[in-house]
Each structure stands twice: as C-alpha cells, then as structure tokens.
Amino acid sequence: MSLSVKVVTPQKIFFEGSADMVKVPGWQGEYGVLPHHASMLTLSRPGLLSLQNGSQTTRFVVDRGFVEVGPADISVMVQRCVAVSDINKEEAQSMFNQAKEEFSALHRTDPKYEAARKQVEFTKILAQA
C-alpha cells in the first residue's frame, strides 16, 4: 500500500501522486510518514520534502505551511514549492546572496524585516538543495 500525496501552494496543486514514504521538514525535526500513520495536523518548516517510491526519491524545497496526515494520504499545504530537479544552482545562489544583502540593510523594526528574513531562509535552502 502507498500513500496518496498532494502538495498544494496558494497558486496551484503542485504535485499529486503516490509515495511509499514521505519525509517532512517539521519544526521539531524531519519526520517520516508511512501508510497507516496516525492522523494528525501539524505545521511544517521550510526545508526538503522527500517522496520515496522504492529506490526512487523525488525532492522538493518547500516553504512553511501545514501538513495533514491520514492513514492513507498526506496533504502538504505550503506557501512555495520548487522541485529540486528544477533548481538552477547559480540562480539560487544569486537569489540567496541578494536576499542576504537586502536583509542585512534592514532594522528589526522595519515592516519588511520578517518577510526579508523568511526570504533568506527559503533561498538558502534552494541554494543548498
């Protein structure tokens, strides 16, 4: 038996398929979900989402969001998602460098501070994926 997997962003259903196991970046660390997992609803942090089918692994860089797990399915609802296979390393590194530069120019009281911090966090994962 495999899990029915859905990865959703505000813009679209990013991925819909199946997996033998899903590894999710949780706030307390990465955790795995297998078929017959206990139902739960939890927060996810930015990181790598891995879908394993036999010996094949498909990975995505995801932003923060929510994860709903049922015995036969998992839905990952995140702000942003990028397939690791689609990442241009040079472009990702450039985005990270630019985000760091913009963030370092801001003060904590600036209304743009938190959004800039989140951009640095996400682009760092993209650059390292």
Protein backbone atom coordinates (compact mmCIF):
# COMPACT_ATOMS: atom_id res chain seq x y z
CA MET A 1 0.00 0.00 0.00
CA SER A 2 1.24 3.51 -0.76
CA LEU A 3 0.23 6.97 0.38
CA SER A 4 -1.79 9.35 -1.74
CA VAL A 5 0.26 12.57 -1.72
CA LYS A 6 -0.84 16.10 -2.55
CA VAL A 7 1.42 19.17 -2.38
CA VAL A 8 -0.55 22.39 -2.64
CA THR A 9 0.52 26.04 -2.88
CA PRO A 10 -1.86 29.03 -2.89
CA GLN A 11 -1.48 29.17 -6.68
CA LYS A 12 -1.99 25.52 -7.67
CA ILE A 13 -1.80 21.83 -6.88
CA PHE A 14 1.95 21.45 -7.28
CA PHE A 15 2.12 17.65 -7.06
CA GLU A 16 -0.42 14.86 -6.89
CA GLY A 17 0.64 11.23 -6.85
CA SER A 18 1.69 8.42 -4.55
CA ALA A 19 4.67 7.51 -2.41
CA ASP A 20 5.77 4.64 -0.19
CA MET A 21 7.09 7.10 2.37
CA VAL A 22 7.15 10.88 2.77
CA LYS A 23 9.77 12.78 4.79
CA VAL A 24 8.54 16.16 6.01
CA PRO A 25 10.54 19.07 7.48
CA GLY A 26 8.83 19.59 10.85
CA TRP A 27 9.54 22.21 13.49
CA GLN A 28 10.93 19.55 15.82
CA GLY A 29 12.98 17.96 13.03
CA GLU A 30 12.32 15.82 9.99
CA TYR A 31 9.74 13.06 10.36
CA GLY A 32 8.61 10.22 8.13
CA VAL A 33 5.09 9.25 7.19
CA LEU A 34 4.23 5.71 6.11
CA PRO A 35 0.87 4.15 5.21
CA HIS A 36 -1.33 3.58 8.29
CA HIS A 37 0.20 6.57 10.07
CA ALA A 38 -1.87 8.10 12.85
CA SER A 39 -3.95 11.03 11.68
CA MET A 40 -2.56 14.46 12.55
CA LEU A 41 -2.46 18.09 11.54
CA THR A 42 0.84 19.89 12.11
CA LEU A 43 2.99 22.81 11.00
CA SER A 44 5.92 22.36 8.66
CA ARG A 45 9.05 24.48 8.39
CA PRO A 46 10.98 25.43 5.27
CA GLY A 47 13.14 22.54 4.10
CA LEU A 48 13.28 19.46 1.90
CA LEU A 49 10.19 17.35 1.33
CA SER A 50 11.12 13.86 0.09
CA LEU A 51 8.80 11.37 -1.59
CA GLN A 52 10.17 7.83 -1.76
CA ASN A 53 8.89 5.19 -4.16
CA GLY A 54 11.02 2.07 -3.88
CA SER A 55 14.58 3.18 -4.60
CA GLN A 56 13.49 6.43 -6.32
CA THR A 57 13.29 9.70 -4.35
CA THR A 58 11.68 12.92 -5.55
CA ARG A 59 12.59 16.03 -3.55
CA PHE A 60 11.03 19.45 -3.25
CA VAL A 61 12.10 22.60 -1.46
CA VAL A 62 9.05 23.77 0.48
CA ASP A 63 8.29 26.87 2.49
CA ARG A 64 6.42 26.89 5.78
CA GLY A 65 2.89 25.55 5.90
CA PHE A 66 0.63 22.81 7.21
CA VAL A 67 0.64 19.04 6.84
CA GLU A 68 -2.47 16.90 7.20
CA VAL A 69 -1.82 13.18 7.57
CA GLY A 70 -4.38 10.40 7.35
CA PRO A 71 -3.92 6.61 7.32
CA ALA A 72 -3.71 6.50 3.51
CA ASP A 73 -2.96 10.08 2.50
CA ILE A 74 -0.90 13.17 3.20
CA SER A 75 -1.56 16.76 2.12
CA VAL A 76 1.24 19.29 2.32
CA MET A 77 -0.03 22.88 2.07
CA VAL A 78 2.84 25.36 1.74
CA GLN A 79 3.45 28.94 0.62
CA ARG A 80 6.04 27.96 -2.02
CA CYS A 81 7.34 24.76 -3.57
CA VAL A 82 10.16 24.10 -6.05
CA ALA A 83 11.18 20.71 -7.41
CA VAL A 84 14.87 20.15 -6.65
CA SER A 85 15.31 18.92 -10.23
CA ASP A 86 14.18 22.37 -11.49
CA ILE A 87 16.66 24.40 -9.42
CA ASN A 88 19.38 26.30 -11.25
CA LYS A 89 22.22 26.31 -8.69
CA GLU A 90 23.81 29.57 -9.89
CA GLU A 91 20.47 31.37 -9.94
CA ALA A 92 19.55 30.02 -6.49
CA GLN A 93 22.90 31.17 -5.06
CA SER A 94 22.40 34.60 -6.62
CA MET A 95 18.90 34.84 -5.12
CA PHE A 96 20.30 33.88 -1.71
CA ASN A 97 23.09 36.45 -1.91
CA GLN A 98 20.63 39.17 -2.90
CA ALA A 99 18.21 38.21 -0.12
CA LYS A 100 21.05 38.31 2.46
CA GLU A 101 22.14 41.73 1.24
CA GLU A 102 18.62 43.17 1.40
CA PHE A 103 18.01 41.64 4.83
CA SER A 104 21.26 42.95 6.31
CA ALA A 105 20.22 46.51 5.39
CA LEU A 106 17.01 46.28 7.45
CA HIS A 107 16.44 47.04 11.11
CA ARG A 108 14.26 44.78 13.28
CA THR A 109 11.59 47.48 13.48
CA ASP A 110 11.30 47.75 9.70
CA PRO A 111 7.95 46.35 8.44
CA LYS A 112 9.86 44.43 5.73
CA TYR A 113 12.17 42.71 8.23
CA GLU A 114 10.19 39.49 8.76
CA ALA A 115 9.44 38.95 5.06
CA ALA A 116 13.12 39.52 4.24
CA ARG A 117 14.18 37.04 6.95
CA LYS A 118 11.85 34.41 5.51
CA GLN A 119 13.22 35.06 2.01
CA VAL A 120 16.78 34.49 3.25
CA GLU A 121 15.68 31.26 4.94
CA PHE A 122 13.94 29.93 1.80
CA THR A 123 16.63 30.96 -0.71
CA LYS A 124 19.33 29.41 1.49
CA ILE A 125 17.55 26.05 1.26
CA LEU A 126 17.19 26.48 -2.53
CA ALA A 127 20.91 27.20 -2.86
CA GLN A 128 21.86 24.18 -0.75
CA ALA A 129 19.42 21.68 -2.30
